[in-house]
Amino acid sequence: MGVRKLHQEKRYSEMTEQELRQEISKLQEQARKAEQMGMVNQFAVLERKVQMARAYLMNPDSFKPGEIYEIEGAPGEYFKIDYMNGVFAWGYRLNGDGKEEALPISLLKWLK
């Protein structure tokens, strides 16, 4: 007898725009409550989920390898894209340690 999930969560990639927006609202409310209760780790996890869901509302084709973007929530930190893979931009932080990392595109802001 195997373990079965009663409710299989839908992946963000399978959700409609409306479902994504509802999920984001739900996660933001949960994050607000976690923050109020001082649950720092839970808040951070929920914030990451919000960023992931937001990435699926964006067009990955708008992000180009070789371009530099500011990192949302980290003023003065910049990220250069080497290549795209779905809603993830792979590259490295300028003035960072040079290690390659992947960021959801929702964390990248166009430079004005």
PDB file of N, CA and C in Angstrom:
ATOM      1  N   MET A   1       0.840  -1.178   0.000  1.00  0.00           N
ATOM      2  CA  MET A   1       0.000   0.000   0.000  1.00  0.00           C
ATOM      3  C   MET A   1       0.886   1.242   0.000  1.00  0.00           C
ATOM      4  N   GLY A   2       0.917   1.975  -1.077  1.00  0.00           N
ATOM      5  CA  GLY A   2       1.753   3.169  -1.187  1.00  0.00           C
ATOM      6  C   GLY A   2       1.100   4.381  -0.542  1.00  0.00           C
ATOM      7  N   VAL A   3       1.923   5.347  -0.256  1.00  0.00           N
ATOM      8  CA  VAL A   3       1.417   6.603   0.297  1.00  0.00           C
ATOM      9  C   VAL A   3       0.888   7.438  -0.863  1.00  0.00           C
ATOM     10  N   ARG A   4      -0.325   7.963  -0.682  1.00  0.00           N
ATOM     11  CA  ARG A   4      -0.931   8.777  -1.743  1.00  0.00           C
ATOM     12  C   ARG A   4      -1.268  10.148  -1.206  1.00  0.00           C
ATOM     13  N   LYS A   5      -1.045  11.144  -2.032  1.00  0.00           N
ATOM     14  CA  LYS A   5      -1.473  12.491  -1.657  1.00  0.00           C
ATOM     15  C   LYS A   5      -2.957  12.603  -1.966  1.00  0.00           C
ATOM     16  N   LEU A   6      -3.705  13.167  -1.038  1.00  0.00           N
ATOM     17  CA  LEU A   6      -5.124  13.376  -1.278  1.00  0.00           C
ATOM     18  C   LEU A   6      -5.343  14.446  -2.341  1.00  0.00           C
ATOM     19  N   HIS A   7      -4.506  15.470  -2.305  1.00  0.00           N
ATOM     20  CA  HIS A   7      -4.655  16.578  -3.246  1.00  0.00           C
ATOM     21  C   HIS A   7      -3.301  16.834  -3.902  1.00  0.00           C
ATOM     22  N   GLN A   8      -3.227  16.539  -5.179  1.00  0.00           N
ATOM     23  CA  GLN A   8      -1.978  16.761  -5.902  1.00  0.00           C
ATOM     24  C   GLN A   8      -1.876  18.232  -6.264  1.00  0.00           C
ATOM     25  N   GLU A   9      -0.823  18.891  -5.767  1.00  0.00           N
ATOM     26  CA  GLU A   9      -0.623  20.301  -6.078  1.00  0.00           C
ATOM     27  C   GLU A   9      -0.325  20.458  -7.567  1.00  0.00           C
ATOM     28  N   LYS A  10      -0.898  21.488  -8.142  1.00  0.00           N
ATOM     29  CA  LYS A  10      -0.644  21.817  -9.542  1.00  0.00           C
ATOM     30  C   LYS A  10       0.656  22.615  -9.608  1.00  0.00           C
ATOM     31  N   ARG A  11       1.478  22.308 -10.583  1.00  0.00           N
ATOM     32  CA  ARG A  11       2.713  23.074 -10.773  1.00  0.00           C
ATOM     33  C   ARG A  11       2.370  24.457 -11.300  1.00  0.00           C
ATOM     34  N   TYR A  12       3.222  25.443 -10.949  1.00  0.00           N
ATOM     35  CA  TYR A  12       2.988  26.801 -11.449  1.00  0.00           C
ATOM     36  C   TYR A  12       2.958  26.808 -12.968  1.00  0.00           C
ATOM     37  N   SER A  13       3.796  25.977 -13.594  1.00  0.00           N
ATOM     38  CA  SER A  13       3.860  25.938 -15.062  1.00  0.00           C
ATOM     39  C   SER A  13       2.562  25.424 -15.681  1.00  0.00           C
ATOM     40  N   GLU A  14       1.723  24.760 -14.888  1.00  0.00           N
ATOM     41  CA  GLU A  14       0.455  24.215 -15.398  1.00  0.00           C
ATOM     42  C   GLU A  14      -0.736  25.125 -15.096  1.00  0.00           C
ATOM     43  N   MET A  15      -0.501  26.179 -14.321  1.00  0.00           N
ATOM     44  CA  MET A  15      -1.596  27.052 -13.905  1.00  0.00           C
ATOM     45  C   MET A  15      -1.908  28.105 -14.958  1.00  0.00           C
ATOM     46  N   THR A  16      -3.175  28.515 -14.988  1.00  0.00           N
ATOM     47  CA  THR A  16      -3.582  29.626 -15.842  1.00  0.00           C
ATOM     48  C   THR A  16      -3.146  30.923 -15.166  1.00  0.00           C
ATOM     49  N   GLU A  17      -3.216  32.027 -15.902  1.00  0.00           N
ATOM     50  CA  GLU A  17      -2.858  33.324 -15.328  1.00  0.00           C
ATOM     51  C   GLU A  17      -3.729  33.618 -14.104  1.00  0.00           C
ATOM     52  N   GLN A  18      -5.025  33.325 -14.197  1.00  0.00           N
ATOM     53  CA  GLN A  18      -5.950  33.573 -13.081  1.00  0.00           C
ATOM     54  C   GLN A  18      -5.559  32.722 -11.863  1.00  0.00           C
ATOM     55  N   GLU A  19      -5.239  31.457 -12.089  1.00  0.00           N
ATOM     56  CA  GLU A  19      -4.837  30.577 -10.985  1.00  0.00           C
ATOM     57  C   GLU A  19      -3.538  31.078 -10.337  1.00  0.00           C
ATOM     58  N   LEU A  20      -2.603  31.545 -11.166  1.00  0.00           N
ATOM     59  CA  LEU A  20      -1.344  32.077 -10.635  1.00  0.00           C
ATOM     60  C   LEU A  20      -1.608  33.308  -9.770  1.00  0.00           C
ATOM     61  N   ARG A  21      -2.469  34.186 -10.240  1.00  0.00           N
ATOM     62  CA  ARG A  21      -2.777  35.404  -9.473  1.00  0.00           C
ATOM     63  C   ARG A  21      -3.432  35.053  -8.137  1.00  0.00           C
ATOM     64  N   GLN A  22      -4.325  34.060  -8.139  1.00  0.00           N
ATOM     65  CA  GLN A  22      -4.968  33.616  -6.891  1.00  0.00           C
ATOM     66  C   GLN A  22      -3.939  33.007  -5.941  1.00  0.00           C
ATOM     67  N   GLU A  23      -3.027  32.214  -6.497  1.00  0.00           N
ATOM     68  CA  GLU A  23      -1.965  31.585  -5.698  1.00  0.00           C
ATOM     69  C   GLU A  23      -1.063  32.653  -5.070  1.00  0.00           C
ATOM     70  N   ILE A  24      -0.708  33.659  -5.860  1.00  0.00           N
ATOM     71  CA  ILE A  24       0.144  34.748  -5.356  1.00  0.00           C
ATOM     72  C   ILE A  24      -0.552  35.466  -4.199  1.00  0.00           C
ATOM     73  N   SER A  25      -1.839  35.767  -4.364  1.00  0.00           N
ATOM     74  CA  SER A  25      -2.598  36.438  -3.291  1.00  0.00           C
ATOM     75  C   SER A  25      -2.619  35.589  -2.027  1.00  0.00           C
ATOM     76  N   LYS A  26      -2.853  34.286  -2.190  1.00  0.00           N
ATOM     77  CA  LYS A  26      -2.898  33.373  -1.043  1.00  0.00           C
ATOM     78  C   LYS A  26      -1.538  33.326  -0.341  1.00  0.00           C
ATOM     79  N   LEU A  27      -0.476  33.208  -1.123  1.00  0.00           N
ATOM     80  CA  LEU A  27       0.872  33.145  -0.554  1.00  0.00           C
ATOM     81  C   LEU A  27       1.249  34.454   0.143  1.00  0.00           C
ATOM     82  N   GLN A  28       0.856  35.589  -0.453  1.00  0.00           N
ATOM     83  CA  GLN A  28       1.164  36.880   0.165  1.00  0.00           C
ATOM     84  C   GLN A  28       0.453  37.027   1.513  1.00  0.00           C
ATOM     85  N   GLU A  29      -0.774  36.553   1.591  1.00  0.00           N
ATOM     86  CA  GLU A  29      -1.518  36.600   2.851  1.00  0.00           C
ATOM     87  C   GLU A  29      -0.841  35.712   3.901  1.00  0.00           C
ATOM     88  N   GLN A  30      -0.432  34.506   3.490  1.00  0.00           N
ATOM     89  CA  GLN A  30       0.267  33.598   4.404  1.00  0.00           C
ATOM     90  C   GLN A  30       1.588  34.216   4.864  1.00  0.00           C
ATOM     91  N   ALA A  31       2.289  34.878   3.949  1.00  0.00           N
ATOM     92  CA  ALA A  31       3.574  35.514   4.277  1.00  0.00           C
ATOM     93  C   ALA A  31       3.353  36.654   5.269  1.00  0.00           C
ATOM     94  N   ARG A  32       2.292  37.423   5.063  1.00  0.00           N
ATOM     95  CA  ARG A  32       1.978  38.537   5.964  1.00  0.00           C
ATOM     96  C   ARG A  32       1.731  38.008   7.379  1.00  0.00           C
ATOM     97  N   LYS A  33       0.972  36.917   7.468  1.00  0.00           N
ATOM     98  CA  LYS A  33       0.687  36.322   8.778  1.00  0.00           C
ATOM     99  C   LYS A  33       1.960  35.771   9.422  1.00  0.00           C
ATOM    100  N   ALA A  34       2.784  35.118   8.622  1.00  0.00           N
ATOM    101  CA  ALA A  34       4.042  34.561   9.141  1.00  0.00           C
ATOM    102  C   ALA A  34       4.939  35.690   9.660  1.00  0.00           C
ATOM    103  N   GLU A  35       4.984  36.791   8.925  1.00  0.00           N
ATOM    104  CA  GLU A  35       5.805  37.931   9.340  1.00  0.00           C
ATOM    105  C   GLU A  35       5.281  38.511  10.657  1.00  0.00           C
ATOM    106  N   GLN A  36       3.968  38.649  10.759  1.00  0.00           N
ATOM    107  CA  GLN A  36       3.355  39.182  11.984  1.00  0.00           C
ATOM    108  C   GLN A  36       3.659  38.302  13.194  1.00  0.00           C
ATOM    109  N   MET A  37       3.727  36.995  12.950  1.00  0.00           N
ATOM    110  CA  MET A  37       3.970  36.048  14.036  1.00  0.00           C
ATOM    111  C   MET A  37       5.464  35.837  14.296  1.00  0.00           C
ATOM    112  N   GLY A  38       6.305  36.560  13.548  1.00  0.00           N
ATOM    113  CA  GLY A  38       7.744  36.456  13.753  1.00  0.00           C
ATOM    114  C   GLY A  38       8.349  35.162  13.233  1.00  0.00           C
ATOM    115  N   MET A  39       7.653  34.509  12.296  1.00  0.00           N
ATOM    116  CA  MET A  39       8.134  33.244  11.723  1.00  0.00           C
ATOM    117  C   MET A  39       9.004  33.571  10.509  1.00  0.00           C
ATOM    118  N   VAL A  40      10.250  33.953  10.793  1.00  0.00           N
ATOM    119  CA  VAL A  40      11.155  34.471   9.761  1.00  0.00           C
ATOM    120  C   VAL A  40      11.407  33.447   8.650  1.00  0.00           C
ATOM    121  N   ASN A  41      11.696  32.209   9.014  1.00  0.00           N
ATOM    122  CA  ASN A  41      11.983  31.187   7.998  1.00  0.00           C
ATOM    123  C   ASN A  41      10.771  30.911   7.124  1.00  0.00           C
ATOM    124  N   GLN A  42       9.595  30.795   7.744  1.00  0.00           N
ATOM    125  CA  GLN A  42       8.366  30.548   6.994  1.00  0.00           C
ATOM    126  C   GLN A  42       8.085  31.716   6.046  1.00  0.00           C
ATOM    127  N   PHE A  43       8.303  32.940   6.530  1.00  0.00           N
ATOM    128  CA  PHE A  43       8.106  34.126   5.712  1.00  0.00           C
ATOM    129  C   PHE A  43       9.016  34.070   4.479  1.00  0.00           C
ATOM    130  N   ALA A  44      10.281  33.736   4.670  1.00  0.00           N
ATOM    131  CA  ALA A  44      11.248  33.679   3.567  1.00  0.00           C
ATOM    132  C   ALA A  44      10.837  32.635   2.525  1.00  0.00           C
ATOM    133  N   VAL A  45      10.373  31.482   2.982  1.00  0.00           N
ATOM    134  CA  VAL A  45       9.937  30.416   2.069  1.00  0.00           C
ATOM    135  C   VAL A  45       8.741  30.898   1.238  1.00  0.00           C
ATOM    136  N   LEU A  46       7.782  31.529   1.904  1.00  0.00           N
ATOM    137  CA  LEU A  46       6.589  32.006   1.201  1.00  0.00           C
ATOM    138  C   LEU A  46       6.938  33.114   0.210  1.00  0.00           C
ATOM    139  N   GLU A  47       7.860  33.996   0.578  1.00  0.00           N
ATOM    140  CA  GLU A  47       8.301  35.052  -0.339  1.00  0.00           C
ATOM    141  C   GLU A  47       8.941  34.453  -1.591  1.00  0.00           C
ATOM    142  N   ARG A  48       9.740  33.389  -1.412  1.00  0.00           N
ATOM    143  CA  ARG A  48      10.359  32.722  -2.571  1.00  0.00           C
ATOM    144  C   ARG A  48       9.288  32.104  -3.466  1.00  0.00           C
ATOM    145  N   LYS A  49       8.259  31.527  -2.856  1.00  0.00           N
ATOM    146  CA  LYS A  49       7.167  30.934  -3.649  1.00  0.00           C
ATOM    147  C   LYS A  49       6.434  32.004  -4.449  1.00  0.00           C
ATOM    148  N   VAL A  50       6.225  33.167  -3.838  1.00  0.00           N
ATOM    149  CA  VAL A  50       5.583  34.283  -4.544  1.00  0.00           C
ATOM    150  C   VAL A  50       6.423  34.664  -5.762  1.00  0.00           C
ATOM    151  N   GLN A  51       7.741  34.775  -5.584  1.00  0.00           N
ATOM    152  CA  GLN A  51       8.617  35.141  -6.707  1.00  0.00           C
ATOM    153  C   GLN A  51       8.565  34.081  -7.810  1.00  0.00           C
ATOM    154  N   MET A  52       8.509  32.815  -7.428  1.00  0.00           N
ATOM    155  CA  MET A  52       8.428  31.747  -8.437  1.00  0.00           C
ATOM    156  C   MET A  52       7.121  31.849  -9.220  1.00  0.00           C
ATOM    157  N   ALA A  53       6.007  32.020  -8.506  1.00  0.00           N
ATOM    158  CA  ALA A  53       4.711  32.124  -9.185  1.00  0.00           C
ATOM    159  C   ALA A  53       4.689  33.346 -10.102  1.00  0.00           C
ATOM    160  N   ARG A  54       5.245  34.459  -9.638  1.00  0.00           N
ATOM    161  CA  ARG A  54       5.294  35.681 -10.464  1.00  0.00           C
ATOM    162  C   ARG A  54       6.097  35.455 -11.739  1.00  0.00           C
ATOM    163  N   ALA A  55       7.148  34.657 -11.648  1.00  0.00           N
ATOM    164  CA  ALA A  55       7.989  34.399 -12.822  1.00  0.00           C
ATOM    165  C   ALA A  55       7.174  33.779 -13.953  1.00  0.00           C
ATOM    166  N   TYR A  56       6.177  32.951 -13.592  1.00  0.00           N
ATOM    167  CA  TYR A  56       5.356  32.301 -14.613  1.00  0.00           C
ATOM    168  C   TYR A  56       4.338  33.238 -15.248  1.00  0.00           C
ATOM    169  N   LEU A  57       4.198  34.447 -14.707  1.00  0.00           N
ATOM    170  CA  LEU A  57       3.329  35.457 -15.319  1.00  0.00           C
ATOM    171  C   LEU A  57       4.110  36.325 -16.302  1.00  0.00           C
ATOM    172  N   MET A  58       5.423  36.111 -16.369  1.00  0.00           N
ATOM    173  CA  MET A  58       6.297  36.946 -17.197  1.00  0.00           C
ATOM    174  C   MET A  58       6.731  36.196 -18.460  1.00  0.00           C
ATOM    175  N   ASN A  59       7.197  36.949 -19.440  1.00  0.00           N
ATOM    176  CA  ASN A  59       7.658  36.363 -20.692  1.00  0.00           C
ATOM    177  C   ASN A  59       9.184  36.195 -20.651  1.00  0.00           C
ATOM    178  N   PRO A  60       9.665  34.940 -20.585  1.00  0.00           N
ATOM    179  CA  PRO A  60      11.111  34.713 -20.533  1.00  0.00           C
ATOM    180  C   PRO A  60      11.842  35.264 -21.757  1.00  0.00           C
ATOM    181  N   ASP A  61      11.142  35.408 -22.891  1.00  0.00           N
ATOM    182  CA  ASP A  61      11.778  35.921 -24.108  1.00  0.00           C
ATOM    183  C   ASP A  61      12.164  37.396 -23.973  1.00  0.00           C
ATOM    184  N   SER A  62      11.636  38.061 -22.942  1.00  0.00           N
ATOM    185  CA  SER A  62      11.976  39.468 -22.705  1.00  0.00           C
ATOM    186  C   SER A  62      13.362  39.619 -22.091  1.00  0.00           C
ATOM    187  N   PHE A  63      13.943  38.522 -21.627  1.00  0.00           N
ATOM    188  CA  PHE A  63      15.234  38.548 -20.945  1.00  0.00           C
ATOM    189  C   PHE A  63      16.294  37.962 -21.870  1.00  0.00           C
ATOM    190  N   LYS A  64      17.358  38.725 -22.064  1.00  0.00           N
ATOM    191  CA  LYS A  64      18.351  38.348 -23.072  1.00  0.00           C
ATOM    192  C   LYS A  64      19.721  38.029 -22.464  1.00  0.00           C
ATOM    193  N   PRO A  65      20.329  36.916 -22.894  1.00  0.00           N
ATOM    194  CA  PRO A  65      21.699  36.623 -22.486  1.00  0.00           C
ATOM    195  C   PRO A  65      22.622  37.780 -22.848  1.00  0.00           C
ATOM    196  N   GLY A  66      23.558  38.058 -21.956  1.00  0.00           N
ATOM    197  CA  GLY A  66      24.499  39.146 -22.171  1.00  0.00           C
ATOM    198  C   GLY A  66      24.048  40.450 -21.543  1.00  0.00           C
ATOM    199  N   GLU A  67      22.749  40.559 -21.234  1.00  0.00           N
ATOM    200  CA  GLU A  67      22.240  41.790 -20.638  1.00  0.00           C
ATOM    201  C   GLU A  67      22.394  41.751 -19.118  1.00  0.00           C
ATOM    202  N   ILE A  68      22.394  42.949 -18.531  1.00  0.00           N
ATOM    203  CA  ILE A  68      22.576  43.091 -17.084  1.00  0.00           C
ATOM    204  C   ILE A  68      21.298  43.667 -16.482  1.00  0.00           C
ATOM    205  N   TYR A  69      20.880  43.102 -15.377  1.00  0.00           N
ATOM    206  CA  TYR A  69      19.660  43.513 -14.686  1.00  0.00           C
ATOM    207  C   TYR A  69      19.967  43.767 -13.216  1.00  0.00           C
ATOM    208  N   GLU A  70      19.189  44.661 -12.605  1.00  0.00           N
ATOM    209  CA  GLU A  70      19.296  44.853 -11.161  1.00  0.00           C
ATOM    210  C   GLU A  70      18.498  43.737 -10.496  1.00  0.00           C
ATOM    211  N   ILE A  71      18.947  43.315  -9.327  1.00  0.00           N
ATOM    212  CA  ILE A  71      18.250  42.250  -8.599  1.00  0.00           C
ATOM    213  C   ILE A  71      17.222  42.876  -7.676  1.00  0.00           C
ATOM    214  N   GLU A  72      15.965  42.481  -7.847  1.00  0.00           N
ATOM    215  CA  GLU A  72      14.850  42.971  -7.032  1.00  0.00           C
ATOM    216  C   GLU A  72      15.135  42.701  -5.560  1.00  0.00           C
ATOM    217  N   GLY A  73      14.915  43.692  -4.744  1.00  0.00           N
ATOM    218  CA  GLY A  73      15.115  43.533  -3.305  1.00  0.00           C
ATOM    219  C   GLY A  73      16.566  43.616  -2.865  1.00  0.00           C
ATOM    220  N   ALA A  74      17.468  43.871  -3.811  1.00  0.00           N
ATOM    221  CA  ALA A  74      18.896  43.992  -3.488  1.00  0.00           C
ATOM    222  C   ALA A  74      19.453  45.195  -4.245  1.00  0.00           C
ATOM    223  N   PRO A  75      19.092  46.405  -3.803  1.00  0.00           N
ATOM    224  CA  PRO A  75      19.536  47.610  -4.523  1.00  0.00           C
ATOM    225  C   PRO A  75      21.056  47.642  -4.691  1.00  0.00           C
ATOM    226  N   GLY A  76      21.489  47.984  -5.894  1.00  0.00           N
ATOM    227  CA  GLY A  76      22.919  48.070  -6.159  1.00  0.00           C
ATOM    228  C   GLY A  76      23.562  46.739  -6.518  1.00  0.00           C
ATOM    229  N   GLU A  77      22.783  45.646  -6.517  1.00  0.00           N
ATOM    230  CA  GLU A  77      23.315  44.348  -6.949  1.00  0.00           C
ATOM    231  C   GLU A  77      22.805  44.060  -8.354  1.00  0.00           C
ATOM    232  N   TYR A  78      23.728  43.626  -9.199  1.00  0.00           N
ATOM    233  CA  TYR A  78      23.391  43.402 -10.601  1.00  0.00           C
ATOM    234  C   TYR A  78      23.715  41.977 -11.019  1.00  0.00           C
ATOM    235  N   PHE A  79      22.967  41.491 -12.022  1.00  0.00           N
ATOM    236  CA  PHE A  79      23.075  40.120 -12.488  1.00  0.00           C
ATOM    237  C   PHE A  79      23.215  40.125 -13.999  1.00  0.00           C
ATOM    238  N   LYS A  80      24.218  39.413 -14.504  1.00  0.00           N
ATOM    239  CA  LYS A  80      24.408  39.288 -15.954  1.00  0.00           C
ATOM    240  C   LYS A  80      23.960  37.901 -16.384  1.00  0.00           C
ATOM    241  N   ILE A  81      23.058  37.851 -17.351  1.00  0.00           N
ATOM    242  CA  ILE A  81      22.516  36.576 -17.834  1.00  0.00           C
ATOM    243  C   ILE A  81      23.471  35.933 -18.836  1.00  0.00           C
ATOM    244  N   ASP A  82      23.802  34.664 -18.585  1.00  0.00           N
ATOM    245  CA  ASP A  82      24.558  33.872 -19.558  1.00  0.00           C
ATOM    246  C   ASP A  82      23.604  33.140 -20.498  1.00  0.00           C
ATOM    247  N   TYR A  83      22.553  32.531 -19.916  1.00  0.00           N
ATOM    248  CA  TYR A  83      21.554  31.837 -20.742  1.00  0.00           C
ATOM    249  C   TYR A  83      20.259  31.699 -19.959  1.00  0.00           C
ATOM    250  N   MET A  84      19.192  31.414 -20.704  1.00  0.00           N
ATOM    251  CA  MET A  84      17.860  31.248 -20.121  1.00  0.00           C
ATOM    252  C   MET A  84      17.479  29.771 -20.140  1.00  0.00           C
ATOM    253  N   ASN A  85      16.733  29.358 -19.110  1.00  0.00           N
ATOM    254  CA  ASN A  85      16.169  28.012 -19.075  1.00  0.00           C
ATOM    255  C   ASN A  85      14.794  28.142 -18.442  1.00  0.00           C
ATOM    256  N   GLY A  86      13.766  28.198 -19.277  1.00  0.00           N
ATOM    257  CA  GLY A  86      12.408  28.412 -18.783  1.00  0.00           C
ATOM    258  C   GLY A  86      12.291  29.794 -18.164  1.00  0.00           C
ATOM    259  N   VAL A  87      11.794  29.842 -16.916  1.00  0.00           N
ATOM    260  CA  VAL A  87      11.637  31.135 -16.236  1.00  0.00           C
ATOM    261  C   VAL A  87      12.853  31.454 -15.371  1.00  0.00           C
ATOM    262  N   PHE A  88      13.946  30.721 -15.586  1.00  0.00           N
ATOM    263  CA  PHE A  88      15.180  30.978 -14.837  1.00  0.00           C
ATOM    264  C   PHE A  88      16.239  31.596 -15.737  1.00  0.00           C
ATOM    265  N   ALA A  89      16.885  32.630 -15.197  1.00  0.00           N
ATOM    266  CA  ALA A  89      18.031  33.244 -15.858  1.00  0.00           C
ATOM    267  C   ALA A  89      19.270  32.693 -15.164  1.00  0.00           C
ATOM    268  N   TRP A  90      20.157  32.100 -15.938  1.00  0.00           N
ATOM    269  CA  TRP A  90      21.421  31.583 -15.395  1.00  0.00           C
ATOM    270  C   TRP A  90      22.517  32.582 -15.702  1.00  0.00           C
ATOM    271  N   GLY A  91      23.338  32.862 -14.703  1.00  0.00           N
ATOM    272  CA  GLY A  91      24.423  33.805 -14.898  1.00  0.00           C
ATOM    273  C   GLY A  91      25.143  34.031 -13.592  1.00  0.00           C
ATOM    274  N   TYR A  92      25.593  35.281 -13.390  1.00  0.00           N
ATOM    275  CA  TYR A  92      26.347  35.564 -12.175  1.00  0.00           C
ATOM    276  C   TYR A  92      26.122  37.007 -11.751  1.00  0.00           C
ATOM    277  N   ARG A  93      26.332  37.246 -10.460  1.00  0.00           N
ATOM    278  CA  ARG A  93      26.216  38.588  -9.904  1.00  0.00           C
ATOM    279  C   ARG A  93      27.484  39.367 -10.211  1.00  0.00           C
ATOM    280  N   LEU A  94      27.318  40.591 -10.661  1.00  0.00           N
ATOM    281  CA  LEU A  94      28.476  41.457 -10.866  1.00  0.00           C
ATOM    282  C   LEU A  94      29.008  41.808  -9.473  1.00  0.00           C
ATOM    283  N   ASN A  95      30.307  41.904  -9.330  1.00  0.00           N
ATOM    284  CA  ASN A  95      30.943  42.139  -8.023  1.00  0.00           C
ATOM    285  C   ASN A  95      30.638  41.015  -7.037  1.00  0.00           C
ATOM    286  N   GLY A  96      30.259  39.855  -7.545  1.00  0.00           N
ATOM    287  CA  GLY A  96      30.012  38.697  -6.680  1.00  0.00           C
ATOM    288  C   GLY A  96      31.227  37.793  -6.695  1.00  0.00           C
ATOM    289  N   ASP A  97      31.003  36.535  -6.326  1.00  0.00           N
ATOM    290  CA  ASP A  97      32.121  35.584  -6.270  1.00  0.00           C
ATOM    291  C   ASP A  97      32.361  34.894  -7.616  1.00  0.00           C
ATOM    292  N   GLY A  98      31.574  35.262  -8.632  1.00  0.00           N
ATOM    293  CA  GLY A  98      31.759  34.694  -9.961  1.00  0.00           C
ATOM    294  C   GLY A  98      31.099  33.344 -10.160  1.00  0.00           C
ATOM    295  N   LYS A  99      30.438  32.837  -9.112  1.00  0.00           N
ATOM    296  CA  LYS A  99      29.768  31.534  -9.230  1.00  0.00           C
ATOM    297  C   LYS A  99      28.481  31.681 -10.025  1.00  0.00           C
ATOM    298  N   GLU A 100      28.247  30.708 -10.905  1.00  0.00           N
ATOM    299  CA  GLU A 100      27.015  30.706 -11.684  1.00  0.00           C
ATOM    300  C   GLU A 100      25.840  30.370 -10.767  1.00  0.00           C
ATOM    301  N   GLU A 101      24.713  31.061 -10.982  1.00  0.00           N
ATOM    302  CA  GLU A 101      23.500  30.750 -10.228  1.00  0.00           C
ATOM    303  C   GLU A 101      22.300  31.017 -11.118  1.00  0.00           C
ATOM    304  N   ALA A 102      21.160  30.508 -10.689  1.00  0.00           N
ATOM    305  CA  ALA A 102      19.914  30.714 -11.422  1.00  0.00           C
ATOM    306  C   ALA A 102      18.983  31.566 -10.572  1.00  0.00           C
ATOM    307  N   LEU A 103      18.391  32.583 -11.197  1.00  0.00           N
ATOM    308  CA  LEU A 103      17.400  33.410 -10.524  1.00  0.00           C
ATOM    309  C   LEU A 103      16.104  33.357 -11.325  1.00  0.00           C
ATOM    310  N   PRO A 104      14.954  33.287 -10.636  1.00  0.00           N
ATOM    311  CA  PRO A 104      13.697  33.417 -11.383  1.00  0.00           C
ATOM    312  C   PRO A 104      13.636  34.820 -11.987  1.00  0.00           C
ATOM    313  N   ILE A 105      13.090  34.926 -13.185  1.00  0.00           N
ATOM    314  CA  ILE A 105      13.083  36.209 -13.888  1.00  0.00           C
ATOM    315  C   ILE A 105      12.308  37.285 -13.134  1.00  0.00           C
ATOM    316  N   SER A 106      11.453  36.887 -12.214  1.00  0.00           N
ATOM    317  CA  SER A 106      10.691  37.866 -11.434  1.00  0.00           C
ATOM    318  C   SER A 106      11.592  38.662 -10.492  1.00  0.00           C
ATOM    319  N   LEU A 107      12.826  38.213 -10.286  1.00  0.00           N
ATOM    320  CA  LEU A 107      13.764  38.936  -9.426  1.00  0.00           C
ATOM    321  C   LEU A 107      14.640  39.908 -10.202  1.00  0.00           C
ATOM    322  N   LEU A 108      14.471  39.943 -11.532  1.00  0.00           N
ATOM    323  CA  LEU A 108      15.320  40.803 -12.357  1.00  0.00           C
ATOM    324  C   LEU A 108      14.571  42.052 -12.790  1.00  0.00           C
ATOM    325  N   LYS A 109      15.212  43.209 -12.567  1.00  0.00           N
ATOM    326  CA  LYS A 109      14.623  44.497 -12.967  1.00  0.00           C
ATOM    327  C   LYS A 109      15.446  45.075 -14.090  1.00  0.00           C
ATOM    328  N   TRP A 110      14.740  45.587 -15.113  1.00  0.00           N
ATOM    329  CA  TRP A 110      15.437  46.236 -16.216  1.00  0.00           C
ATOM    330  C   TRP A 110      16.082  47.508 -15.710  1.00  0.00           C
ATOM    331  N   LEU A 111      17.264  47.793 -16.215  1.00  0.00           N
ATOM    332  CA  LEU A 111      17.935  49.049 -15.882  1.00  0.00           C
ATOM    333  C   LEU A 111      17.295  50.151 -16.703  1.00  0.00           C
ATOM    334  N   LYS A 112      17.052  51.263 -16.064  1.00  0.00           N
ATOM    335  CA  LYS A 112      16.392  52.376 -16.756  1.00  0.00           C
ATOM    336  C   LYS A 112      17.406  53.254 -17.470  1.00  0.00           C
TER     337      LYS A 112
END
